[in-house]
Amino acid sequence: MSEIEITYQPSSNESYMNDQQLAYFRGQLIDWRNRLNSESRLSRQRLLENDPNGGDILDQSVKDSNRTMDFLARSRQQKLILQIDAALGRLEDGSFGYCLESGEEIGIKRLLAYPIATLSVEAQELLERRRSHQAA
């Protein structure tokens, strides 16, 4: 990896979704997916571990709680991986960085904070308002 790739930080002062920004986000998404895959493998290993020396009731309870936490973490990781893969697909088809509702720019600041974002801030707020009205 070159010095430029390591120190580059996308900015709203550049042309939106230029080649350098696209490469940056592709790298960020791939790194994130790789970390999640590693964590998911570790969680899976822990879930598959079977300790024949059960221990006392308290030990069993702690093990059950840990298994539940690993299962929930693995489930969240798998959902995130699917979202990351979808974002990588949008990078390939040229729609990355644009709101799926309005087609407007999502914005560099939002993508730096949440690179799998699919909606602009405005569209996200509208969606959340609709959900809160439906729940009420």
C-alpha atoms as a PDB file:
ATOM      1  CA  MET A   1       0.000   0.000   0.000  1.00  0.00           C
ATOM      2  CA  SER A   2       1.406   3.365  -0.930  1.00  0.00           C
ATOM      3  CA  GLU A   3       1.888   6.340   1.370  1.00  0.00           C
ATOM      4  CA  ILE A   4      -0.966   8.204  -0.355  1.00  0.00           C
ATOM      5  CA  GLU A   5      -3.459   5.389   0.280  1.00  0.00           C
ATOM      6  CA  ILE A   6      -2.538   5.244   3.966  1.00  0.00           C
ATOM      7  CA  THR A   7      -2.891   8.958   4.631  1.00  0.00           C
ATOM      8  CA  TYR A   8      -5.711   9.816   2.221  1.00  0.00           C
ATOM      9  CA  GLN A   9      -8.938  11.035   3.803  1.00  0.00           C
ATOM     10  CA  PRO A  10     -11.908  11.864   1.553  1.00  0.00           C
ATOM     11  CA  SER A  11     -13.059  15.451   1.706  1.00  0.00           C
ATOM     12  CA  SER A  12     -16.156  17.332   0.622  1.00  0.00           C
ATOM     13  CA  ASN A  13     -13.776  19.788  -1.104  1.00  0.00           C
ATOM     14  CA  GLU A  14     -13.128  17.211  -3.869  1.00  0.00           C
ATOM     15  CA  SER A  15     -15.369  16.137  -6.708  1.00  0.00           C
ATOM     16  CA  TYR A  16     -17.912  13.719  -5.259  1.00  0.00           C
ATOM     17  CA  MET A  17     -17.177   9.995  -5.637  1.00  0.00           C
ATOM     18  CA  ASN A  18     -13.983  10.513  -7.572  1.00  0.00           C
ATOM     19  CA  ASP A  19     -11.701   7.525  -8.194  1.00  0.00           C
ATOM     20  CA  GLN A  20      -9.659   8.172  -5.058  1.00  0.00           C
ATOM     21  CA  GLN A  21     -12.777   8.327  -2.859  1.00  0.00           C
ATOM     22  CA  LEU A  22     -14.177   5.168  -4.432  1.00  0.00           C
ATOM     23  CA  ALA A  23     -10.891   3.341  -3.827  1.00  0.00           C
ATOM     24  CA  TYR A  24     -10.820   4.608  -0.240  1.00  0.00           C
ATOM     25  CA  PHE A  25     -14.341   3.384   0.536  1.00  0.00           C
ATOM     26  CA  ARG A  26     -13.732   0.067  -1.245  1.00  0.00           C
ATOM     27  CA  GLY A  27     -10.683  -0.486   0.977  1.00  0.00           C
ATOM     28  CA  GLN A  28     -12.588   0.519   4.112  1.00  0.00           C
ATOM     29  CA  LEU A  29     -15.476  -1.818   3.292  1.00  0.00           C
ATOM     30  CA  ILE A  30     -13.216  -4.758   2.456  1.00  0.00           C
ATOM     31  CA  ASP A  31     -11.192  -4.260   5.647  1.00  0.00           C
ATOM     32  CA  TRP A  32     -14.401  -4.068   7.699  1.00  0.00           C
ATOM     33  CA  ARG A  33     -15.782  -7.214   6.056  1.00  0.00           C
ATOM     34  CA  ASN A  34     -12.510  -9.081   6.686  1.00  0.00           C
ATOM     35  CA  ARG A  35     -12.541  -8.088  10.378  1.00  0.00           C
ATOM     36  CA  LEU A  36     -16.169  -9.161  10.716  1.00  0.00           C
ATOM     37  CA  ASN A  37     -15.454 -12.480   9.005  1.00  0.00           C
ATOM     38  CA  SER A  38     -12.582 -13.122  11.432  1.00  0.00           C
ATOM     39  CA  GLU A  39     -14.746 -12.243  14.425  1.00  0.00           C
ATOM     40  CA  SER A  40     -17.542 -14.396  13.046  1.00  0.00           C
ATOM     41  CA  ARG A  41     -15.220 -17.396  12.687  1.00  0.00           C
ATOM     42  CA  LEU A  42     -14.100 -16.979  16.305  1.00  0.00           C
ATOM     43  CA  SER A  43     -17.711 -16.729  17.475  1.00  0.00           C
ATOM     44  CA  ARG A  44     -18.579 -19.836  15.488  1.00  0.00           C
ATOM     45  CA  GLN A  45     -15.690 -21.742  17.047  1.00  0.00           C
ATOM     46  CA  ARG A  46     -16.847 -20.746  20.529  1.00  0.00           C
ATOM     47  CA  LEU A  47     -20.412 -21.765  19.696  1.00  0.00           C
ATOM     48  CA  LEU A  48     -19.260 -25.172  18.496  1.00  0.00           C
ATOM     49  CA  GLU A  49     -17.094 -25.837  21.533  1.00  0.00           C
ATOM     50  CA  ASN A  50     -18.619 -28.498  23.730  1.00  0.00           C
ATOM     51  CA  ASP A  51     -17.197 -28.755  27.228  1.00  0.00           C
ATOM     52  CA  PRO A  52     -17.968 -32.218  28.592  1.00  0.00           C
ATOM     53  CA  ASN A  53     -16.856 -31.087  32.058  1.00  0.00           C
ATOM     54  CA  GLY A  54     -20.031 -29.118  32.607  1.00  0.00           C
ATOM     55  CA  GLY A  55     -19.056 -27.519  35.883  1.00  0.00           C
ATOM     56  CA  ASP A  56     -21.499 -26.330  38.480  1.00  0.00           C
ATOM     57  CA  ILE A  57     -24.789 -24.542  37.829  1.00  0.00           C
ATOM     58  CA  LEU A  58     -23.156 -21.115  37.928  1.00  0.00           C
ATOM     59  CA  ASP A  59     -20.480 -22.161  35.413  1.00  0.00           C
ATOM     60  CA  GLN A  60     -23.145 -23.594  33.109  1.00  0.00           C
ATOM     61  CA  SER A  61     -25.170 -20.410  33.390  1.00  0.00           C
ATOM     62  CA  VAL A  62     -22.160 -18.273  32.456  1.00  0.00           C
ATOM     63  CA  LYS A  63     -21.385 -20.571  29.500  1.00  0.00           C
ATOM     64  CA  ASP A  64     -24.993 -20.381  28.312  1.00  0.00           C
ATOM     65  CA  SER A  65     -24.942 -16.601  28.606  1.00  0.00           C
ATOM     66  CA  ASN A  66     -21.668 -16.423  26.663  1.00  0.00           C
ATOM     67  CA  ARG A  67     -23.094 -18.714  23.960  1.00  0.00           C
ATOM     68  CA  THR A  68     -26.137 -16.487  23.654  1.00  0.00           C
ATOM     69  CA  MET A  69     -23.941 -13.389  23.333  1.00  0.00           C
ATOM     70  CA  ASP A  70     -21.793 -15.118  20.698  1.00  0.00           C
ATOM     71  CA  PHE A  71     -24.895 -16.147  18.767  1.00  0.00           C
ATOM     72  CA  LEU A  72     -26.287 -12.599  18.820  1.00  0.00           C
ATOM     73  CA  ALA A  73     -22.915 -11.120  17.835  1.00  0.00           C
ATOM     74  CA  ARG A  74     -22.564 -13.620  14.988  1.00  0.00           C
ATOM     75  CA  SER A  75     -26.051 -12.771  13.770  1.00  0.00           C
ATOM     76  CA  ARG A  76     -25.270  -9.023  13.781  1.00  0.00           C
ATOM     77  CA  GLN A  77     -21.958  -9.669  12.023  1.00  0.00           C
ATOM     78  CA  GLN A  78     -23.650 -11.676   9.277  1.00  0.00           C
ATOM     79  CA  LYS A  79     -26.208  -8.894   8.703  1.00  0.00           C
ATOM     80  CA  LEU A  80     -23.423  -6.305   8.528  1.00  0.00           C
ATOM     81  CA  ILE A  81     -21.477  -8.452   6.064  1.00  0.00           C
ATOM     82  CA  LEU A  82     -24.535  -8.594   3.808  1.00  0.00           C
ATOM     83  CA  GLN A  83     -24.829  -4.789   3.988  1.00  0.00           C
ATOM     84  CA  ILE A  84     -21.119  -4.395   3.246  1.00  0.00           C
ATOM     85  CA  ASP A  85     -21.418  -6.729   0.255  1.00  0.00           C
ATOM     86  CA  ALA A  86     -24.368  -4.663  -0.985  1.00  0.00           C
ATOM     87  CA  ALA A  87     -22.287  -1.472  -0.605  1.00  0.00           C
ATOM     88  CA  LEU A  88     -19.450  -3.083  -2.567  1.00  0.00           C
ATOM     89  CA  GLY A  89     -21.993  -3.946  -5.255  1.00  0.00           C
ATOM     90  CA  ARG A  90     -23.072  -0.297  -5.358  1.00  0.00           C
ATOM     91  CA  LEU A  91     -19.414   0.670  -5.742  1.00  0.00           C
ATOM     92  CA  GLU A  92     -19.246  -1.587  -8.792  1.00  0.00           C
ATOM     93  CA  ASP A  93     -22.470  -0.341 -10.399  1.00  0.00           C
ATOM     94  CA  GLY A  94     -21.734   3.342  -9.725  1.00  0.00           C
ATOM     95  CA  SER A  95     -24.566   4.000  -7.268  1.00  0.00           C
ATOM     96  CA  PHE A  96     -22.417   4.077  -4.113  1.00  0.00           C
ATOM     97  CA  GLY A  97     -22.697   7.349  -2.227  1.00  0.00           C
ATOM     98  CA  TYR A  98     -26.102   8.220  -3.649  1.00  0.00           C
ATOM     99  CA  CYS A  99     -29.402   8.004  -1.773  1.00  0.00           C
ATOM    100  CA  LEU A 100     -31.517   5.036  -2.871  1.00  0.00           C
ATOM    101  CA  GLU A 101     -34.679   7.106  -2.323  1.00  0.00           C
ATOM    102  CA  SER A 102     -33.837  10.467  -3.869  1.00  0.00           C
ATOM    103  CA  GLY A 103     -30.710   9.799  -5.917  1.00  0.00           C
ATOM    104  CA  GLU A 104     -29.014  12.738  -4.168  1.00  0.00           C
ATOM    105  CA  GLU A 105     -25.524  12.599  -2.696  1.00  0.00           C
ATOM    106  CA  ILE A 106     -25.383  10.949   0.717  1.00  0.00           C
ATOM    107  CA  GLY A 107     -22.322  13.036   1.572  1.00  0.00           C
ATOM    108  CA  ILE A 108     -18.729  12.280   2.457  1.00  0.00           C
ATOM    109  CA  LYS A 109     -19.177  13.075   6.145  1.00  0.00           C
ATOM    110  CA  ARG A 110     -22.028  10.550   6.502  1.00  0.00           C
ATOM    111  CA  LEU A 111     -20.179   7.885   4.503  1.00  0.00           C
ATOM    112  CA  LEU A 112     -17.059   8.313   6.621  1.00  0.00           C
ATOM    113  CA  ALA A 113     -19.187   7.724   9.719  1.00  0.00           C
ATOM    114  CA  TYR A 114     -21.292   4.915   8.205  1.00  0.00           C
ATOM    115  CA  PRO A 115     -19.929   3.640   4.879  1.00  0.00           C
ATOM    116  CA  ILE A 116     -22.896   1.303   4.306  1.00  0.00           C
ATOM    117  CA  ALA A 117     -25.396   4.178   4.397  1.00  0.00           C
ATOM    118  CA  THR A 118     -28.013   3.933   1.661  1.00  0.00           C
ATOM    119  CA  LEU A 119     -30.029   7.051   2.465  1.00  0.00           C
ATOM    120  CA  SER A 120     -29.225  10.727   2.758  1.00  0.00           C
ATOM    121  CA  VAL A 121     -29.724  12.289   6.184  1.00  0.00           C
ATOM    122  CA  GLU A 122     -32.993  13.826   4.997  1.00  0.00           C
ATOM    123  CA  ALA A 123     -34.354  10.546   3.604  1.00  0.00           C
ATOM    124  CA  GLN A 124     -33.284   8.696   6.776  1.00  0.00           C
ATOM    125  CA  GLU A 125     -35.056  11.246   8.973  1.00  0.00           C
ATOM    126  CA  LEU A 126     -38.212  10.969   6.859  1.00  0.00           C
ATOM    127  CA  LEU A 127     -38.118   7.175   7.137  1.00  0.00           C
ATOM    128  CA  GLU A 128     -37.711   7.381  10.912  1.00  0.00           C
ATOM    129  CA  ARG A 129     -40.611   9.846  11.184  1.00  0.00           C
ATOM    130  CA  ARG A 130     -42.815   7.490   9.162  1.00  0.00           C
ATOM    131  CA  ARG A 131     -41.849   4.571  11.408  1.00  0.00           C
ATOM    132  CA  SER A 132     -42.568   6.532  14.581  1.00  0.00           C
ATOM    133  CA  HIS A 133     -46.003   7.554  13.246  1.00  0.00           C
ATOM    134  CA  GLN A 134     -46.785   3.943  12.345  1.00  0.00           C
ATOM    135  CA  ALA A 135     -45.738   2.770  15.802  1.00  0.00           C
ATOM    136  CA  ALA A 136     -47.923   5.377  17.527  1.00  0.00           C
END
